[in-house]
Amino acid sequence: VVRLATVVGALGIVFGDIGTSPLYTLQTIFSP
C-alpha cells in the first residue's frame, strides 16, 4: 500500500512535464 501510494504521488509530481509533451510535440514538428 505504501509503495502504491508513493507511485501515485510520483505520478502527480514527477511526470507532469514529460506527460504533457504529447500536447505540442507532433504539432510543432509538422507546423507550416
PDB file of all heavy atoms in Angstrom:
ATOM      1  N   VAL A   1       0.830  -1.195   0.000  1.00  0.00           N
ATOM      2  CA  VAL A   1       0.000   0.000   0.000  1.00  0.00           C
ATOM      3  C   VAL A   1       0.868   1.250   0.000  1.00  0.00           C
ATOM      4  O   VAL A   1       0.622   2.208  -0.739  1.00  0.00           O
ATOM      5  CB  VAL A   1      -0.958  -0.001   1.211  1.00  0.00           C
ATOM      6  CG1 VAL A   1      -1.655   1.343   1.333  1.00  0.00           C
ATOM      7  CG2 VAL A   1      -1.984  -1.122   1.070  1.00  0.00           C
ATOM      8  N   VAL A   2       1.931   1.219   0.845  1.00  0.00           N
ATOM      9  CA  VAL A   2       2.844   2.365   0.900  1.00  0.00           C
ATOM     10  C   VAL A   2       3.501   2.582  -0.449  1.00  0.00           C
ATOM     11  O   VAL A   2       3.619   3.704  -0.940  1.00  0.00           O
ATOM     12  CB  VAL A   2       3.898   2.148   2.007  1.00  0.00           C
ATOM     13  CG1 VAL A   2       4.980   3.208   1.916  1.00  0.00           C
ATOM     14  CG2 VAL A   2       3.237   2.177   3.383  1.00  0.00           C
ATOM     15  N   ARG A   3       3.944   1.474  -1.078  1.00  0.00           N
ATOM     16  CA  ARG A   3       4.607   1.596  -2.370  1.00  0.00           C
ATOM     17  C   ARG A   3       3.652   2.143  -3.424  1.00  0.00           C
ATOM     18  O   ARG A   3       4.021   2.986  -4.231  1.00  0.00           O
ATOM     19  CB  ARG A   3       5.151   0.229  -2.792  1.00  0.00           C
ATOM     20  CG  ARG A   3       6.004   0.296  -4.053  1.00  0.00           C
ATOM     21  CD  ARG A   3       6.618  -1.056  -4.407  1.00  0.00           C
ATOM     22  NE  ARG A   3       7.546  -1.488  -3.372  1.00  0.00           N
ATOM     23  CZ  ARG A   3       7.356  -2.580  -2.609  1.00  0.00           C
ATOM     24  NH1 ARG A   3       6.278  -3.318  -2.782  1.00  0.00           N
ATOM     25  NH2 ARG A   3       8.230  -2.912  -1.694  1.00  0.00           N
ATOM     26  N   LEU A   4       2.398   1.669  -3.409  1.00  0.00           N
ATOM     27  CA  LEU A   4       1.412   2.159  -4.372  1.00  0.00           C
ATOM     28  C   LEU A   4       1.150   3.644  -4.153  1.00  0.00           C
ATOM     29  O   LEU A   4       1.067   4.414  -5.119  1.00  0.00           O
ATOM     30  CB  LEU A   4       0.110   1.360  -4.230  1.00  0.00           C
ATOM     31  CG  LEU A   4      -1.043   1.788  -5.145  1.00  0.00           C
ATOM     32  CD1 LEU A   4      -0.639   1.645  -6.614  1.00  0.00           C
ATOM     33  CD2 LEU A   4      -2.299   0.974  -4.847  1.00  0.00           C
ATOM     34  N   ALA A   5       1.025   4.069  -2.896  1.00  0.00           N
ATOM     35  CA  ALA A   5       0.798   5.485  -2.603  1.00  0.00           C
ATOM     36  C   ALA A   5       1.964   6.331  -3.079  1.00  0.00           C
ATOM     37  O   ALA A   5       1.779   7.445  -3.590  1.00  0.00           O
ATOM     38  CB  ALA A   5       0.588   5.678  -1.099  1.00  0.00           C
ATOM     39  N   THR A   6       3.187   5.811  -2.950  1.00  0.00           N
ATOM     40  CA  THR A   6       4.368   6.550  -3.405  1.00  0.00           C
ATOM     41  C   THR A   6       4.378   6.664  -4.926  1.00  0.00           C
ATOM     42  O   THR A   6       4.732   7.708  -5.476  1.00  0.00           O
ATOM     43  CB  THR A   6       5.649   5.851  -2.922  1.00  0.00           C
ATOM     44  OG1 THR A   6       5.578   5.631  -1.519  1.00  0.00           O
ATOM     45  CG2 THR A   6       6.870   6.711  -3.212  1.00  0.00           C
ATOM     46  N   VAL A   7       3.980   5.587  -5.603  1.00  0.00           N
ATOM     47  CA  VAL A   7       3.909   5.622  -7.070  1.00  0.00           C
ATOM     48  C   VAL A   7       2.878   6.649  -7.527  1.00  0.00           C
ATOM     49  O   VAL A   7       3.125   7.437  -8.457  1.00  0.00           O
ATOM     50  CB  VAL A   7       3.577   4.228  -7.636  1.00  0.00           C
ATOM     51  CG1 VAL A   7       3.313   4.312  -9.142  1.00  0.00           C
ATOM     52  CG2 VAL A   7       4.716   3.251  -7.362  1.00  0.00           C
ATOM     53  N   VAL A   8       1.715   6.664  -6.866  1.00  0.00           N
ATOM     54  CA  VAL A   8       0.667   7.642  -7.210  1.00  0.00           C
ATOM     55  C   VAL A   8       1.169   9.060  -6.971  1.00  0.00           C
ATOM     56  O   VAL A   8       0.954   9.969  -7.793  1.00  0.00           O
ATOM     57  CB  VAL A   8      -0.615   7.366  -6.395  1.00  0.00           C
ATOM     58  CG1 VAL A   8      -1.633   8.487  -6.603  1.00  0.00           C
ATOM     59  CG2 VAL A   8      -1.221   6.026  -6.798  1.00  0.00           C
ATOM     60  N   GLY A   9       1.876   9.266  -5.842  1.00  0.00           N
ATOM     61  CA  GLY A   9       2.443  10.592  -5.575  1.00  0.00           C
ATOM     62  C   GLY A   9       3.442  11.001  -6.627  1.00  0.00           C
ATOM     63  O   GLY A   9       3.458  12.157  -7.074  1.00  0.00           O
ATOM     64  N   ALA A  10       4.279  10.061  -7.053  1.00  0.00           N
ATOM     65  CA  ALA A  10       5.262  10.359  -8.098  1.00  0.00           C
ATOM     66  C   ALA A  10       4.574  10.704  -9.413  1.00  0.00           C
ATOM     67  O   ALA A  10       4.999  11.607 -10.140  1.00  0.00           O
ATOM     68  CB  ALA A  10       6.196   9.167  -8.289  1.00  0.00           C
ATOM     69  N   LEU A  11       3.482  10.007  -9.725  1.00  0.00           N
ATOM     70  CA  LEU A  11       2.742  10.299 -10.959  1.00  0.00           C
ATOM     71  C   LEU A  11       2.209  11.731 -10.947  1.00  0.00           C
ATOM     72  O   LEU A  11       2.138  12.382 -11.986  1.00  0.00           O
ATOM     73  CB  LEU A  11       1.590   9.306 -11.125  1.00  0.00           C
ATOM     74  CG  LEU A  11       1.989   7.884 -11.519  1.00  0.00           C
ATOM     75  CD1 LEU A  11       0.813   6.927 -11.373  1.00  0.00           C
ATOM     76  CD2 LEU A  11       2.528   7.850 -12.945  1.00  0.00           C
ATOM     77  N   GLY A  12       1.832  12.218  -9.756  1.00  0.00           N
ATOM     78  CA  GLY A  12       1.277  13.564  -9.665  1.00  0.00           C
ATOM     79  C   GLY A  12       2.309  14.664  -9.687  1.00  0.00           C
ATOM     80  O   GLY A  12       1.999  15.794 -10.065  1.00  0.00           O
ATOM     81  N   ILE A  13       3.543  14.364  -9.303  1.00  0.00           N
ATOM     82  CA  ILE A  13       4.557  15.405  -9.193  1.00  0.00           C
ATOM     83  C   ILE A  13       5.630  15.296 -10.266  1.00  0.00           C
ATOM     84  O   ILE A  13       6.020  16.285 -10.896  1.00  0.00           O
ATOM     85  CB  ILE A  13       5.232  15.342  -7.798  1.00  0.00           C
ATOM     86  CG1 ILE A  13       4.193  15.559  -6.692  1.00  0.00           C
ATOM     87  CG2 ILE A  13       6.357  16.368  -7.688  1.00  0.00           C
ATOM     88  CD1 ILE A  13       3.529  16.913  -6.718  1.00  0.00           C
ATOM     89  N   VAL A  14       6.115  14.088 -10.512  1.00  0.00           N
ATOM     90  CA  VAL A  14       7.320  13.899 -11.327  1.00  0.00           C
ATOM     91  C   VAL A  14       7.047  13.991 -12.822  1.00  0.00           C
ATOM     92  O   VAL A  14       7.857  14.538 -13.581  1.00  0.00           O
ATOM     93  CB  VAL A  14       7.959  12.529 -10.991  1.00  0.00           C
ATOM     94  CG1 VAL A  14       9.155  12.252 -11.888  1.00  0.00           C
ATOM     95  CG2 VAL A  14       8.372  12.495  -9.531  1.00  0.00           C
ATOM     96  N   PHE A  15       5.907  13.446 -13.273  1.00  0.00           N
ATOM     97  CA  PHE A  15       5.716  13.233 -14.699  1.00  0.00           C
ATOM     98  C   PHE A  15       4.859  14.292 -15.392  1.00  0.00           C
ATOM     99  O   PHE A  15       4.473  14.114 -16.547  1.00  0.00           O
ATOM    100  CB  PHE A  15       5.087  11.850 -14.932  1.00  0.00           C
ATOM    101  CG  PHE A  15       5.929  10.713 -14.420  1.00  0.00           C
ATOM    102  CD1 PHE A  15       5.561  10.021 -13.274  1.00  0.00           C
ATOM    103  CD2 PHE A  15       7.082  10.335 -15.076  1.00  0.00           C
ATOM    104  CE1 PHE A  15       6.325   8.978 -12.793  1.00  0.00           C
ATOM    105  CE2 PHE A  15       7.863   9.292 -14.612  1.00  0.00           C
ATOM    106  CZ  PHE A  15       7.487   8.607 -13.465  1.00  0.00           C
ATOM    107  N   GLY A  16       4.540  15.377 -14.688  1.00  0.00           N
ATOM    108  CA  GLY A  16       3.667  16.377 -15.289  1.00  0.00           C
ATOM    109  C   GLY A  16       4.231  16.971 -16.562  1.00  0.00           C
ATOM    110  O   GLY A  16       3.522  17.112 -17.574  1.00  0.00           O
ATOM    111  N   ASP A  17       5.513  17.336 -16.554  1.00  0.00           N
ATOM    112  CA  ASP A  17       6.120  17.988 -17.711  1.00  0.00           C
ATOM    113  C   ASP A  17       6.227  17.038 -18.889  1.00  0.00           C
ATOM    114  O   ASP A  17       5.730  17.304 -19.992  1.00  0.00           O
ATOM    115  CB  ASP A  17       7.499  18.529 -17.307  1.00  0.00           C
ATOM    116  CG  ASP A  17       8.077  19.474 -18.355  1.00  0.00           C
ATOM    117  OD1 ASP A  17       7.399  19.725 -19.370  1.00  0.00           O
ATOM    118  OD2 ASP A  17       9.200  19.971 -18.157  1.00  0.00           O
ATOM    119  N   ILE A  18       6.864  15.897 -18.687  1.00  0.00           N
ATOM    120  CA  ILE A  18       7.043  14.956 -19.794  1.00  0.00           C
ATOM    121  C   ILE A  18       5.704  14.358 -20.228  1.00  0.00           C
ATOM    122  O   ILE A  18       5.504  14.031 -21.395  1.00  0.00           O
ATOM    123  CB  ILE A  18       8.045  13.849 -19.406  1.00  0.00           C
ATOM    124  CG1 ILE A  18       8.563  13.145 -20.663  1.00  0.00           C
ATOM    125  CG2 ILE A  18       7.450  12.851 -18.415  1.00  0.00           C
ATOM    126  CD1 ILE A  18       9.771  12.280 -20.404  1.00  0.00           C
ATOM    127  N   GLY A  19       4.761  14.258 -19.290  1.00  0.00           N
ATOM    128  CA  GLY A  19       3.468  13.669 -19.602  1.00  0.00           C
ATOM    129  C   GLY A  19       2.560  14.568 -20.417  1.00  0.00           C
ATOM    130  O   GLY A  19       1.588  14.099 -21.016  1.00  0.00           O
ATOM    131  N   THR A  20       2.843  15.868 -20.444  1.00  0.00           N
ATOM    132  CA  THR A  20       2.047  16.779 -21.266  1.00  0.00           C
ATOM    133  C   THR A  20       2.729  17.127 -22.583  1.00  0.00           C
ATOM    134  O   THR A  20       2.182  17.901 -23.371  1.00  0.00           O
ATOM    135  CB  THR A  20       1.745  18.076 -20.483  1.00  0.00           C
ATOM    136  OG1 THR A  20       2.966  18.639 -19.995  1.00  0.00           O
ATOM    137  CG2 THR A  20       0.817  17.810 -19.313  1.00  0.00           C
ATOM    138  N   SER A  21       3.883  16.534 -22.853  1.00  0.00           N
ATOM    139  CA  SER A  21       4.581  16.793 -24.112  1.00  0.00           C
ATOM    140  C   SER A  21       3.778  16.392 -25.354  1.00  0.00           C
ATOM    141  O   SER A  21       3.902  17.037 -26.401  1.00  0.00           O
ATOM    142  CB  SER A  21       5.938  16.072 -24.125  1.00  0.00           C
ATOM    143  OG  SER A  21       6.791  16.579 -23.129  1.00  0.00           O
ATOM    144  N   PRO A  22       2.951  15.326 -25.301  1.00  0.00           N
ATOM    145  CA  PRO A  22       2.144  14.998 -26.484  1.00  0.00           C
ATOM    146  C   PRO A  22       1.216  16.122 -26.933  1.00  0.00           C
ATOM    147  O   PRO A  22       0.736  16.108 -28.074  1.00  0.00           O
ATOM    148  CB  PRO A  22       1.340  13.770 -26.021  1.00  0.00           C
ATOM    149  CG  PRO A  22       2.207  13.122 -24.986  1.00  0.00           C
ATOM    150  CD  PRO A  22       2.838  14.277 -24.261  1.00  0.00           C
ATOM    151  N   LEU A  23       0.951  17.088 -26.066  1.00  0.00           N
ATOM    152  CA  LEU A  23       0.095  18.205 -26.443  1.00  0.00           C
ATOM    153  C   LEU A  23       0.647  18.989 -27.624  1.00  0.00           C
ATOM    154  O   LEU A  23      -0.103  19.479 -28.468  1.00  0.00           O
ATOM    155  CB  LEU A  23      -0.079  19.159 -25.250  1.00  0.00           C
ATOM    156  CG  LEU A  23      -1.198  18.858 -24.245  1.00  0.00           C
ATOM    157  CD1 LEU A  23      -1.004  19.701 -23.003  1.00  0.00           C
ATOM    158  CD2 LEU A  23      -2.550  19.137 -24.875  1.00  0.00           C
ATOM    159  N   TYR A  24       1.973  19.141 -27.672  1.00  0.00           N
ATOM    160  CA  TYR A  24       2.534  20.074 -28.656  1.00  0.00           C
ATOM    161  C   TYR A  24       3.661  19.523 -29.522  1.00  0.00           C
ATOM    162  O   TYR A  24       4.073  20.175 -30.480  1.00  0.00           O
ATOM    163  CB  TYR A  24       3.052  21.334 -27.937  1.00  0.00           C
ATOM    164  CG  TYR A  24       3.881  21.073 -26.702  1.00  0.00           C
ATOM    165  CD1 TYR A  24       5.201  20.680 -26.788  1.00  0.00           C
ATOM    166  CD2 TYR A  24       3.325  21.210 -25.436  1.00  0.00           C
ATOM    167  CE1 TYR A  24       5.954  20.442 -25.652  1.00  0.00           C
ATOM    168  CE2 TYR A  24       4.063  20.970 -24.286  1.00  0.00           C
ATOM    169  CZ  TYR A  24       5.379  20.591 -24.396  1.00  0.00           C
ATOM    170  OH  TYR A  24       6.119  20.356 -23.263  1.00  0.00           O
ATOM    171  N   THR A  25       4.176  18.326 -29.247  1.00  0.00           N
ATOM    172  CA  THR A  25       5.370  17.853 -29.961  1.00  0.00           C
ATOM    173  C   THR A  25       5.117  17.644 -31.454  1.00  0.00           C
ATOM    174  O   THR A  25       5.773  18.259 -32.308  1.00  0.00           O
ATOM    175  CB  THR A  25       5.899  16.562 -29.318  1.00  0.00           C
ATOM    176  OG1 THR A  25       6.241  16.823 -27.956  1.00  0.00           O
ATOM    177  CG2 THR A  25       7.141  16.070 -30.047  1.00  0.00           C
ATOM    178  N   LEU A  26       4.183  16.765 -31.795  1.00  0.00           N
ATOM    179  CA  LEU A  26       3.923  16.492 -33.221  1.00  0.00           C
ATOM    180  C   LEU A  26       3.386  17.724 -33.940  1.00  0.00           C
ATOM    181  O   LEU A  26       3.731  17.985 -35.102  1.00  0.00           O
ATOM    182  CB  LEU A  26       2.945  15.330 -33.364  1.00  0.00           C
ATOM    183  CG  LEU A  26       3.563  13.923 -33.401  1.00  0.00           C
ATOM    184  CD1 LEU A  26       2.487  12.868 -33.432  1.00  0.00           C
ATOM    185  CD2 LEU A  26       4.482  13.762 -34.602  1.00  0.00           C
ATOM    186  N   GLN A  27       2.559  18.485 -33.270  1.00  0.00           N
ATOM    187  CA  GLN A  27       2.024  19.709 -33.868  1.00  0.00           C
ATOM    188  C   GLN A  27       3.153  20.662 -34.247  1.00  0.00           C
ATOM    189  O   GLN A  27       3.128  21.282 -35.310  1.00  0.00           O
ATOM    190  CB  GLN A  27       1.080  20.380 -32.876  1.00  0.00           C
ATOM    191  CG  GLN A  27       0.510  21.716 -33.347  1.00  0.00           C
ATOM    192  CD  GLN A  27      -0.390  22.343 -32.298  1.00  0.00           C
ATOM    193  OE1 GLN A  27      -1.096  21.641 -31.577  1.00  0.00           O
ATOM    194  NE2 GLN A  27      -0.362  23.655 -32.205  1.00  0.00           N
ATOM    195  N   THR A  28       4.177  20.762 -33.384  1.00  0.00           N
ATOM    196  CA  THR A  28       5.309  21.649 -33.667  1.00  0.00           C
ATOM    197  C   THR A  28       6.152  21.119 -34.813  1.00  0.00           C
ATOM    198  O   THR A  28       6.603  21.880 -35.680  1.00  0.00           O
ATOM    199  CB  THR A  28       6.177  21.795 -32.401  1.00  0.00           C
ATOM    200  OG1 THR A  28       5.379  22.324 -31.346  1.00  0.00           O
ATOM    201  CG2 THR A  28       7.358  22.714 -32.656  1.00  0.00           C
ATOM    202  N   ILE A  29       6.380  19.806 -34.845  1.00  0.00           N
ATOM    203  CA  ILE A  29       7.242  19.211 -35.875  1.00  0.00           C
ATOM    204  C   ILE A  29       6.687  19.477 -37.271  1.00  0.00           C
ATOM    205  O   ILE A  29       7.433  19.834 -38.193  1.00  0.00           O
ATOM    206  CB  ILE A  29       7.388  17.696 -35.648  1.00  0.00           C
ATOM    207  CG1 ILE A  29       8.168  17.434 -34.353  1.00  0.00           C
ATOM    208  CG2 ILE A  29       8.077  17.020 -36.834  1.00  0.00           C
ATOM    209  CD1 ILE A  29       8.161  15.979 -33.915  1.00  0.00           C
ATOM    210  N   PHE A  30       5.384  19.319 -37.432  1.00  0.00           N
ATOM    211  CA  PHE A  30       4.777  19.460 -38.765  1.00  0.00           C
ATOM    212  C   PHE A  30       4.164  20.844 -38.997  1.00  0.00           C
ATOM    213  O   PHE A  30       3.479  21.057 -40.001  1.00  0.00           O
ATOM    214  CB  PHE A  30       3.709  18.382 -38.969  1.00  0.00           C
ATOM    215  CG  PHE A  30       4.270  16.988 -39.039  1.00  0.00           C
ATOM    216  CD1 PHE A  30       4.043  16.080 -38.015  1.00  0.00           C
ATOM    217  CD2 PHE A  30       5.042  16.596 -40.120  1.00  0.00           C
ATOM    218  CE1 PHE A  30       4.561  14.796 -38.066  1.00  0.00           C
ATOM    219  CE2 PHE A  30       5.563  15.310 -40.188  1.00  0.00           C
ATOM    220  CZ  PHE A  30       5.332  14.402 -39.155  1.00  0.00           C
ATOM    221  N   SER A  31       4.406  21.771 -38.104  1.00  0.00           N
ATOM    222  CA  SER A  31       3.824  23.107 -38.249  1.00  0.00           C
ATOM    223  C   SER A  31       4.381  23.822 -39.479  1.00  0.00           C
ATOM    224  O   SER A  31       5.602  23.918 -39.659  1.00  0.00           O
ATOM    225  CB  SER A  31       4.125  23.944 -37.000  1.00  0.00           C
ATOM    226  OG  SER A  31       3.730  25.284 -37.193  1.00  0.00           O
ATOM    227  N   PRO A  32       3.508  24.369 -40.330  1.00  0.00           N
ATOM    228  CA  PRO A  32       3.984  25.111 -41.511  1.00  0.00           C
ATOM    229  C   PRO A  32       4.755  26.380 -41.139  1.00  0.00           C
ATOM    230  O   PRO A  32       5.520  26.902 -41.953  1.00  0.00           O
ATOM    231  CB  PRO A  32       2.687  25.457 -42.258  1.00  0.00           C
ATOM    232  CG  PRO A  32       1.652  24.542 -41.702  1.00  0.00           C
ATOM    233  CD  PRO A  32       2.052  24.265 -40.288  1.00  0.00           C
TER     234      PRO A  32
END
